[in-house]
Every structure is written in C-alpha cells, then in structure tokens.
Amino acid sequence: MLLADAKTAHARLQTAAAARDQFDEAQALSGLHKPLAAKTSALHGLVARAALLREYGVPLSDCPDFGAMRKTIANLRERFDEQPESRTLTKGKHWDNLSTMLDTIVASLDASQRRDWNQYFANRLFSALSPEKRKVGLLQTAANKAALEEYGRLYDKFSRYRNTVPASGEALDDIHRWSEELSQIKFKAKDDVPAAVAAFIDAASLGASLRLLTPEVLDWLREDGSLENYVVRVRV
C-alpha cells in the first residue's frame, strides 16, 4: 500500500514537472515570438505602403537586399525542424542577427520611402507658398480675401503631408485633389493692374481720397465687377 502510494506520488510529480517544463518552453517561445512579430508587422506595413505609393505613380528607390536575411531564416528553420526548442533558436548568433537585420531593413525602407515621398511632393505636386507669403503683393480686394481664405484652408490640410508619407489610397486621393484645387485659385497682384488702380485699392482700406478715383480706376472697377464694393464716406 505504501509502495503504491509512493509510485502514484512519483508519477504525479513527473507529470507536474513535465507540465512545468512545457509551460516554461511555451513562455520562452512566446518571449521570442512577440518582438519578432512586431518587427515583421512593421516590415509588412512598409511593403504594403510601397505598393500603394507605386500604384499612385510615386517613384521609389530600389529595395534593400533581403538575401542575407532569407539565408538566416532558412538556417534557423532547418535547425528548429530538427530540434523544436527555444534554445535551438537562441543558440549561437543567428537569432540576434535576424533581429538586427529586421531592425536595419525596417529603418532603411522607412527612411527611403520618406525621402522618395518628399521628393515627389516637392517636384510633382503644387508648390504651395504659405498663406503669409502668398498674400505678399496682393491687392486688398474682397475677391482676394475670399480666395486667400480658401487657399489657407486647403494649404493647412495639404501641407501636413509634406513630411508625412500617406498610408491609404483615400489620403493620396485627397492630397492630389488639394494640390489641383490650390493650383486653380487665382489672385490679383498689384503688378497685374494699372498703377492708379493699385494705388486706389491700397488707399481704400484706410480711406482713399476721391482724387485717386480717376476715370481709369472707375473703368477698371466696373470691368472687374467690384465697383459696388466701395462706398464714399465723408471725412469729418
């Protein structure tokens, strides 16, 4: 009876030890998988982003060479198939090398795509000045004011992507639409009108003398459709 109880207890201890070993092994494999999964997820995201950018005509630089990483993965897989244990993966430098390669490739791809996007944004899309710079030299007219407000609204959204690579087709569609809309906004600059007209409009914001309202200015305001924007007030 006592011997039978001892054998039962021993068997239970062996089962518990085996279960503990399996748990420890599962924990060890999970600890290796989580950081690797995060790195591979980042790589897959960059590959998908590259495909999206190419679809929209963004020229991309050549991809890094994946040959060394593929070789390392093949070696690890072969060894793990022979002995499927976590220590098989971490033995030697293969696992650390794979992790370092993934970090390097992810960083290199991301930096390359950012450079390519910056170049595309600067050379292929509308070269938009900031609203502050764009209003320099403009006539102080109601039409210019409305156009500048619309320009500023579009510029704020458009310029956010100057140094940010879009991650969706919807974002790329928006960027191209904003670029086109910005290019279509028209302004009247002082150099676009006769000097007498520019002098009158500049003075009108503070109160222009009637001496500046010459027949030439009146004709221009009528043709421009902006005559009704100006009223006469008596200076007291």
C-alpha atoms as a PDB file:
ATOM      1  CA  MET A   1       0.000   0.000   0.000  1.00  0.00           C
ATOM      2  CA  LEU A   2       2.729   2.412   0.965  1.00  0.00           C
ATOM      3  CA  LEU A   3       4.755   1.461  -2.121  1.00  0.00           C
ATOM      4  CA  ALA A   4       1.741   2.020  -4.370  1.00  0.00           C
ATOM      5  CA  ASP A   5       1.143   5.460  -2.852  1.00  0.00           C
ATOM      6  CA  ALA A   6       4.801   6.340  -3.395  1.00  0.00           C
ATOM      7  CA  LYS A   7       4.600   5.289  -7.047  1.00  0.00           C
ATOM      8  CA  THR A   8       1.442   7.365  -7.542  1.00  0.00           C
ATOM      9  CA  ALA A   9       3.020  10.397  -5.925  1.00  0.00           C
ATOM     10  CA  HIS A  10       6.137   9.975  -8.061  1.00  0.00           C
ATOM     11  CA  ALA A  11       4.060   9.742 -11.222  1.00  0.00           C
ATOM     12  CA  ARG A  12       2.170  12.893 -10.283  1.00  0.00           C
ATOM     13  CA  LEU A  13       5.419  14.713  -9.635  1.00  0.00           C
ATOM     14  CA  GLN A  14       6.743  13.647 -13.034  1.00  0.00           C
ATOM     15  CA  THR A  15       3.532  14.846 -14.711  1.00  0.00           C
ATOM     16  CA  ALA A  16       3.738  18.150 -12.890  1.00  0.00           C
ATOM     17  CA  ALA A  17       7.396  18.545 -13.842  1.00  0.00           C
ATOM     18  CA  ALA A  18       6.600  17.800 -17.491  1.00  0.00           C
ATOM     19  CA  ALA A  19       3.747  20.287 -17.441  1.00  0.00           C
ATOM     20  CA  ARG A  20       6.021  22.902 -15.860  1.00  0.00           C
ATOM     21  CA  ASP A  21       8.674  22.273 -18.494  1.00  0.00           C
ATOM     22  CA  GLN A  22       6.083  22.615 -21.261  1.00  0.00           C
ATOM     23  CA  PHE A  23       4.811  25.835 -19.720  1.00  0.00           C
ATOM     24  CA  ASP A  24       8.331  27.243 -19.410  1.00  0.00           C
ATOM     25  CA  GLU A  25       9.050  26.275 -23.027  1.00  0.00           C
ATOM     26  CA  ALA A  26       5.829  27.920 -24.186  1.00  0.00           C
ATOM     27  CA  GLN A  27       6.737  31.071 -22.266  1.00  0.00           C
ATOM     28  CA  ALA A  28      10.207  31.084 -23.796  1.00  0.00           C
ATOM     29  CA  LEU A  29       8.859  30.689 -27.340  1.00  0.00           C
ATOM     30  CA  SER A  30       6.273  33.401 -26.721  1.00  0.00           C
ATOM     31  CA  GLY A  31       9.020  35.717 -25.494  1.00  0.00           C
ATOM     32  CA  LEU A  32      10.884  35.165 -28.765  1.00  0.00           C
ATOM     33  CA  HIS A  33       7.785  35.466 -30.944  1.00  0.00           C
ATOM     34  CA  LYS A  34       6.372  38.767 -29.673  1.00  0.00           C
ATOM     35  CA  PRO A  35       9.278  41.071 -30.592  1.00  0.00           C
ATOM     36  CA  LEU A  36       9.801  39.227 -33.868  1.00  0.00           C
ATOM     37  CA  ALA A  37       6.101  39.589 -34.730  1.00  0.00           C
ATOM     38  CA  ALA A  38       6.278  43.339 -34.092  1.00  0.00           C
ATOM     39  CA  LYS A  39       9.283  43.701 -36.426  1.00  0.00           C
ATOM     40  CA  THR A  40       7.751  41.602 -39.197  1.00  0.00           C
ATOM     41  CA  SER A  41       4.464  43.509 -38.881  1.00  0.00           C
ATOM     42  CA  ALA A  42       6.349  46.780 -39.395  1.00  0.00           C
ATOM     43  CA  LEU A  43       8.094  45.289 -42.434  1.00  0.00           C
ATOM     44  CA  HIS A  44       4.805  44.083 -43.939  1.00  0.00           C
ATOM     45  CA  GLY A  45       3.341  47.558 -43.398  1.00  0.00           C
ATOM     46  CA  LEU A  46       6.218  49.169 -45.293  1.00  0.00           C
ATOM     47  CA  VAL A  47       5.918  46.674 -48.154  1.00  0.00           C
ATOM     48  CA  ALA A  48       2.192  47.433 -48.409  1.00  0.00           C
ATOM     49  CA  ARG A  49       2.901  51.172 -48.315  1.00  0.00           C
ATOM     50  CA  ALA A  50       5.455  50.791 -51.107  1.00  0.00           C
ATOM     51  CA  ALA A  51       2.878  49.005 -53.273  1.00  0.00           C
ATOM     52  CA  LEU A  52       0.365  51.782 -52.597  1.00  0.00           C
ATOM     53  CA  LEU A  53       2.821  54.551 -53.490  1.00  0.00           C
ATOM     54  CA  ARG A  54       3.790  52.789 -56.728  1.00  0.00           C
ATOM     55  CA  GLU A  55       0.105  52.418 -57.603  1.00  0.00           C
ATOM     56  CA  TYR A  56      -0.231  56.209 -57.389  1.00  0.00           C
ATOM     57  CA  GLY A  57       2.856  56.840 -59.502  1.00  0.00           C
ATOM     58  CA  VAL A  58       5.329  57.745 -56.777  1.00  0.00           C
ATOM     59  CA  PRO A  59       8.827  56.703 -57.953  1.00  0.00           C
ATOM     60  CA  LEU A  60      10.573  54.606 -55.285  1.00  0.00           C
ATOM     61  CA  SER A  61      14.221  53.756 -54.752  1.00  0.00           C
ATOM     62  CA  ASP A  62      15.448  50.164 -55.009  1.00  0.00           C
ATOM     63  CA  CYS A  63      14.627  47.932 -52.039  1.00  0.00           C
ATOM     64  CA  PRO A  64      17.380  46.647 -49.701  1.00  0.00           C
ATOM     65  CA  ASP A  65      18.834  43.196 -50.371  1.00  0.00           C
ATOM     66  CA  PHE A  66      16.904  40.537 -48.438  1.00  0.00           C
ATOM     67  CA  GLY A  67      19.299  37.716 -49.371  1.00  0.00           C
ATOM     68  CA  ALA A  68      21.210  37.583 -46.089  1.00  0.00           C
ATOM     69  CA  MET A  69      18.011  37.660 -44.042  1.00  0.00           C
ATOM     70  CA  ARG A  70      16.448  34.853 -46.089  1.00  0.00           C
ATOM     71  CA  LYS A  71      19.549  32.737 -45.550  1.00  0.00           C
ATOM     72  CA  THR A  72      19.443  33.316 -41.797  1.00  0.00           C
ATOM     73  CA  ILE A  73      15.741  32.413 -41.660  1.00  0.00           C
ATOM     74  CA  ALA A  74      16.367  29.217 -43.649  1.00  0.00           C
ATOM     75  CA  ASN A  75      19.166  28.188 -41.274  1.00  0.00           C
ATOM     76  CA  LEU A  76      17.009  28.811 -38.203  1.00  0.00           C
ATOM     77  CA  ARG A  77      14.079  26.926 -39.674  1.00  0.00           C
ATOM     78  CA  GLU A  78      16.225  23.919 -40.568  1.00  0.00           C
ATOM     79  CA  ARG A  79      17.697  23.746 -37.077  1.00  0.00           C
ATOM     80  CA  PHE A  80      14.308  24.223 -35.391  1.00  0.00           C
ATOM     81  CA  ASP A  81      12.728  21.458 -37.505  1.00  0.00           C
ATOM     82  CA  GLU A  82      15.434  19.115 -36.253  1.00  0.00           C
ATOM     83  CA  GLN A  83      15.125  20.189 -32.627  1.00  0.00           C
ATOM     84  CA  PRO A  84      11.949  22.246 -31.958  1.00  0.00           C
ATOM     85  CA  GLU A  85      13.028  24.016 -28.773  1.00  0.00           C
ATOM     86  CA  SER A  86      13.505  27.680 -27.928  1.00  0.00           C
ATOM     87  CA  ARG A  87      17.163  27.159 -27.093  1.00  0.00           C
ATOM     88  CA  THR A  88      17.690  25.912 -30.642  1.00  0.00           C
ATOM     89  CA  LEU A  89      16.752  29.351 -31.906  1.00  0.00           C
ATOM     90  CA  THR A  90      18.838  31.325 -29.434  1.00  0.00           C
ATOM     91  CA  LYS A  91      21.920  29.130 -29.664  1.00  0.00           C
ATOM     92  CA  GLY A  92      24.674  30.980 -31.492  1.00  0.00           C
ATOM     93  CA  LYS A  93      24.142  34.365 -33.177  1.00  0.00           C
ATOM     94  CA  HIS A  94      21.537  33.544 -35.800  1.00  0.00           C
ATOM     95  CA  TRP A  95      18.557  34.793 -33.804  1.00  0.00           C
ATOM     96  CA  ASP A  96      20.250  38.024 -32.742  1.00  0.00           C
ATOM     97  CA  ASN A  97      21.442  38.541 -36.315  1.00  0.00           C
ATOM     98  CA  LEU A  98      17.898  38.093 -37.630  1.00  0.00           C
ATOM     99  CA  SER A  99      16.549  40.627 -35.155  1.00  0.00           C
ATOM    100  CA  THR A 100      19.250  43.136 -36.092  1.00  0.00           C
ATOM    101  CA  MET A 101      18.658  42.585 -39.819  1.00  0.00           C
ATOM    102  CA  LEU A 102      14.934  43.223 -39.404  1.00  0.00           C
ATOM    103  CA  ASP A 103      15.582  46.447 -37.496  1.00  0.00           C
ATOM    104  CA  THR A 104      18.028  47.607 -40.159  1.00  0.00           C
ATOM    105  CA  ILE A 105      15.750  46.776 -43.090  1.00  0.00           C
ATOM    106  CA  VAL A 106      12.695  48.400 -41.483  1.00  0.00           C
ATOM    107  CA  ALA A 107      14.632  51.583 -40.710  1.00  0.00           C
ATOM    108  CA  SER A 108      16.196  51.653 -44.179  1.00  0.00           C
ATOM    109  CA  LEU A 109      12.894  51.101 -46.010  1.00  0.00           C
ATOM    110  CA  ASP A 110      11.084  53.716 -43.941  1.00  0.00           C
ATOM    111  CA  ALA A 111      13.814  56.327 -44.487  1.00  0.00           C
ATOM    112  CA  SER A 112      13.953  55.546 -48.217  1.00  0.00           C
ATOM    113  CA  GLN A 113      10.184  55.884 -48.647  1.00  0.00           C
ATOM    114  CA  ARG A 114      10.178  59.164 -46.730  1.00  0.00           C
ATOM    115  CA  ARG A 115      12.908  60.585 -49.000  1.00  0.00           C
ATOM    116  CA  ASP A 116      11.086  59.408 -52.115  1.00  0.00           C
ATOM    117  CA  TRP A 117       7.805  60.894 -50.908  1.00  0.00           C
ATOM    118  CA  ASN A 118       9.440  64.225 -50.010  1.00  0.00           C
ATOM    119  CA  GLN A 119      10.928  64.412 -53.498  1.00  0.00           C
ATOM    120  CA  TYR A 120       7.602  63.546 -55.126  1.00  0.00           C
ATOM    121  CA  PHE A 121       5.742  66.106 -53.008  1.00  0.00           C
ATOM    122  CA  ALA A 122       8.241  68.838 -53.859  1.00  0.00           C
ATOM    123  CA  ASN A 123       8.547  68.105 -57.592  1.00  0.00           C
ATOM    124  CA  ARG A 124       5.239  66.599 -58.726  1.00  0.00           C
ATOM    125  CA  LEU A 125       2.622  68.365 -56.582  1.00  0.00           C
ATOM    126  CA  PHE A 126       1.670  72.025 -56.317  1.00  0.00           C
ATOM    127  CA  SER A 127       4.476  74.186 -54.932  1.00  0.00           C
ATOM    128  CA  ALA A 128       2.343  75.994 -52.400  1.00  0.00           C
ATOM    129  CA  LEU A 129       3.656  79.026 -50.576  1.00  0.00           C
ATOM    130  CA  SER A 130       2.388  79.557 -47.051  1.00  0.00           C
ATOM    131  CA  PRO A 131      -0.648  81.880 -46.862  1.00  0.00           C
ATOM    132  CA  GLU A 132       1.520  84.521 -45.169  1.00  0.00           C
ATOM    133  CA  LYS A 133       3.955  84.521 -48.082  1.00  0.00           C
ATOM    134  CA  ARG A 134       1.230  84.167 -50.701  1.00  0.00           C
ATOM    135  CA  LYS A 135      -0.590  87.339 -49.653  1.00  0.00           C
ATOM    136  CA  VAL A 136       2.512  89.486 -50.149  1.00  0.00           C
ATOM    137  CA  GLY A 137       1.966  91.794 -53.117  1.00  0.00           C
ATOM    138  CA  LEU A 138      -1.745  91.039 -53.456  1.00  0.00           C
ATOM    139  CA  LEU A 139      -4.376  93.686 -53.923  1.00  0.00           C
ATOM    140  CA  GLN A 140      -6.543  94.259 -50.869  1.00  0.00           C
ATOM    141  CA  THR A 141      -9.790  93.257 -52.567  1.00  0.00           C
ATOM    142  CA  ALA A 142     -12.777  91.255 -51.359  1.00  0.00           C
ATOM    143  CA  ALA A 143     -12.116  88.639 -54.049  1.00  0.00           C
ATOM    144  CA  ASN A 144      -8.506  88.227 -52.965  1.00  0.00           C
ATOM    145  CA  LYS A 145      -9.566  87.984 -49.332  1.00  0.00           C
ATOM    146  CA  ALA A 146     -12.032  85.183 -50.109  1.00  0.00           C
ATOM    147  CA  ALA A 147      -9.501  83.405 -52.313  1.00  0.00           C
ATOM    148  CA  LEU A 148      -6.837  83.662 -49.616  1.00  0.00           C
ATOM    149  CA  GLU A 149      -9.191  82.170 -47.014  1.00  0.00           C
ATOM    150  CA  GLU A 150      -9.880  79.210 -49.290  1.00  0.00           C
ATOM    151  CA  TYR A 151      -6.176  78.912 -50.055  1.00  0.00           C
ATOM    152  CA  GLY A 152      -5.330  78.830 -46.336  1.00  0.00           C
ATOM    153  CA  ARG A 153      -7.971  76.174 -45.646  1.00  0.00           C
ATOM    154  CA  LEU A 154      -6.576  73.878 -48.355  1.00  0.00           C
ATOM    155  CA  TYR A 155      -2.953  74.657 -47.535  1.00  0.00           C
ATOM    156  CA  ASP A 156      -3.358  73.599 -43.900  1.00  0.00           C
ATOM    157  CA  LYS A 157      -4.552  70.128 -44.937  1.00  0.00           C
ATOM    158  CA  PHE A 158      -2.192  69.764 -47.896  1.00  0.00           C
ATOM    159  CA  SER A 159       0.997  70.839 -46.085  1.00  0.00           C
ATOM    160  CA  ARG A 160       0.527  68.268 -43.309  1.00  0.00           C
ATOM    161  CA  TYR A 161       1.679  65.609 -45.742  1.00  0.00           C
ATOM    162  CA  ARG A 162       4.835  67.404 -46.844  1.00  0.00           C
ATOM    163  CA  ASN A 163       6.895  65.261 -44.459  1.00  0.00           C
ATOM    164  CA  THR A 164       4.342  62.546 -43.706  1.00  0.00           C
ATOM    165  CA  VAL A 165       4.017  59.561 -46.031  1.00  0.00           C
ATOM    166  CA  PRO A 166       0.309  58.833 -46.654  1.00  0.00           C
ATOM    167  CA  ALA A 167      -0.782  55.360 -45.616  1.00  0.00           C
ATOM    168  CA  SER A 168      -4.009  54.955 -47.596  1.00  0.00           C
ATOM    169  CA  GLY A 169      -5.420  55.480 -51.040  1.00  0.00           C
ATOM    170  CA  GLU A 170      -8.005  57.843 -49.576  1.00  0.00           C
ATOM    171  CA  ALA A 171      -5.258  60.087 -48.213  1.00  0.00           C
ATOM    172  CA  LEU A 172      -3.421  60.067 -51.552  1.00  0.00           C
ATOM    173  CA  ASP A 173      -6.639  60.958 -53.390  1.00  0.00           C
ATOM    174  CA  ASP A 174      -7.165  63.879 -51.006  1.00  0.00           C
ATOM    175  CA  ILE A 175      -3.600  65.118 -51.426  1.00  0.00           C
ATOM    176  CA  HIS A 176      -3.825  65.119 -55.218  1.00  0.00           C
ATOM    177  CA  ARG A 177      -7.226  66.833 -55.132  1.00  0.00           C
ATOM    178  CA  TRP A 178      -5.958  69.545 -52.756  1.00  0.00           C
ATOM    179  CA  SER A 179      -2.920  70.063 -54.951  1.00  0.00           C
ATOM    180  CA  GLU A 180      -5.128  70.597 -58.015  1.00  0.00           C
ATOM    181  CA  GLU A 181      -7.533  72.885 -56.160  1.00  0.00           C
ATOM    182  CA  LEU A 182      -4.683  75.015 -54.814  1.00  0.00           C
ATOM    183  CA  SER A 183      -3.262  75.401 -58.307  1.00  0.00           C
ATOM    184  CA  GLN A 184      -6.638  76.682 -59.577  1.00  0.00           C
ATOM    185  CA  ILE A 185      -7.028  79.514 -57.040  1.00  0.00           C
ATOM    186  CA  LYS A 186      -6.439  82.847 -58.755  1.00  0.00           C
ATOM    187  CA  PHE A 187      -5.290  86.078 -57.171  1.00  0.00           C
ATOM    188  CA  LYS A 188      -4.853  89.618 -58.437  1.00  0.00           C
ATOM    189  CA  ALA A 189      -1.463  91.101 -57.609  1.00  0.00           C
ATOM    190  CA  LYS A 190      -0.540  94.763 -57.689  1.00  0.00           C
ATOM    191  CA  ASP A 191       1.595  94.116 -60.740  1.00  0.00           C
ATOM    192  CA  ASP A 192      -1.466  92.746 -62.591  1.00  0.00           C
ATOM    193  CA  VAL A 193      -3.348  96.071 -62.632  1.00  0.00           C
ATOM    194  CA  PRO A 194      -2.556  99.660 -63.639  1.00  0.00           C
ATOM    195  CA  ALA A 195      -0.601 101.607 -61.059  1.00  0.00           C
ATOM    196  CA  ALA A 196      -3.500 104.017 -60.486  1.00  0.00           C
ATOM    197  CA  VAL A 197      -5.806 101.122 -59.634  1.00  0.00           C
ATOM    198  CA  ALA A 198      -3.297  99.607 -57.216  1.00  0.00           C
ATOM    199  CA  ALA A 199      -2.820 102.978 -55.521  1.00  0.00           C
ATOM    200  CA  PHE A 200      -6.580 103.463 -55.092  1.00  0.00           C
ATOM    201  CA  ILE A 201      -7.200  99.955 -53.708  1.00  0.00           C
ATOM    202  CA  ASP A 202      -4.293 100.221 -51.271  1.00  0.00           C
ATOM    203  CA  ALA A 203      -5.567 103.576 -50.023  1.00  0.00           C
ATOM    204  CA  ALA A 204      -9.199 102.464 -49.867  1.00  0.00           C
ATOM    205  CA  SER A 205      -8.604 100.213 -46.875  1.00  0.00           C
ATOM    206  CA  LEU A 206      -7.807 103.327 -44.806  1.00  0.00           C
ATOM    207  CA  GLY A 207      -9.961 105.801 -46.701  1.00  0.00           C
ATOM    208  CA  ALA A 208      -8.929 106.865 -50.185  1.00  0.00           C
ATOM    209  CA  SER A 209      -9.145 110.419 -51.456  1.00  0.00           C
ATOM    210  CA  LEU A 210     -11.564 110.969 -54.329  1.00  0.00           C
ATOM    211  CA  ARG A 211      -8.614 112.366 -56.273  1.00  0.00           C
ATOM    212  CA  LEU A 212      -7.443 108.753 -56.632  1.00  0.00           C
ATOM    213  CA  LEU A 213     -10.754 107.701 -58.178  1.00  0.00           C
ATOM    214  CA  THR A 214      -9.811 108.591 -61.716  1.00  0.00           C
ATOM    215  CA  PRO A 215     -11.772 107.579 -64.843  1.00  0.00           C
ATOM    216  CA  GLU A 216      -9.194 104.845 -65.429  1.00  0.00           C
ATOM    217  CA  VAL A 217      -9.818 103.455 -61.951  1.00  0.00           C
ATOM    218  CA  LEU A 218     -13.597 103.674 -62.356  1.00  0.00           C
ATOM    219  CA  ASP A 219     -13.455 101.807 -65.671  1.00  0.00           C
ATOM    220  CA  TRP A 220     -11.303  99.081 -64.180  1.00  0.00           C
ATOM    221  CA  LEU A 221     -13.592  98.643 -61.153  1.00  0.00           C
ATOM    222  CA  ARG A 222     -16.634  98.350 -63.443  1.00  0.00           C
ATOM    223  CA  GLU A 223     -14.926  95.755 -65.656  1.00  0.00           C
ATOM    224  CA  ASP A 224     -13.768  93.833 -62.584  1.00  0.00           C
ATOM    225  CA  GLY A 225     -17.284  93.854 -61.131  1.00  0.00           C
ATOM    226  CA  SER A 226     -16.028  95.296 -57.854  1.00  0.00           C
ATOM    227  CA  LEU A 227     -17.351  98.842 -58.096  1.00  0.00           C
ATOM    228  CA  GLU A 228     -20.133  98.103 -55.587  1.00  0.00           C
ATOM    229  CA  ASN A 229     -17.549  97.064 -53.006  1.00  0.00           C
ATOM    230  CA  TYR A 230     -16.566 100.702 -52.463  1.00  0.00           C
ATOM    231  CA  VAL A 231     -18.604 103.454 -50.838  1.00  0.00           C
ATOM    232  CA  VAL A 232     -17.978 107.174 -50.246  1.00  0.00           C
ATOM    233  CA  ARG A 233     -17.793 108.452 -46.703  1.00  0.00           C
ATOM    234  CA  VAL A 234     -17.289 111.996 -45.544  1.00  0.00           C
ATOM    235  CA  ARG A 235     -14.136 112.502 -43.534  1.00  0.00           C
ATOM    236  CA  VAL A 236     -15.048 114.681 -40.536  1.00  0.00           C
END
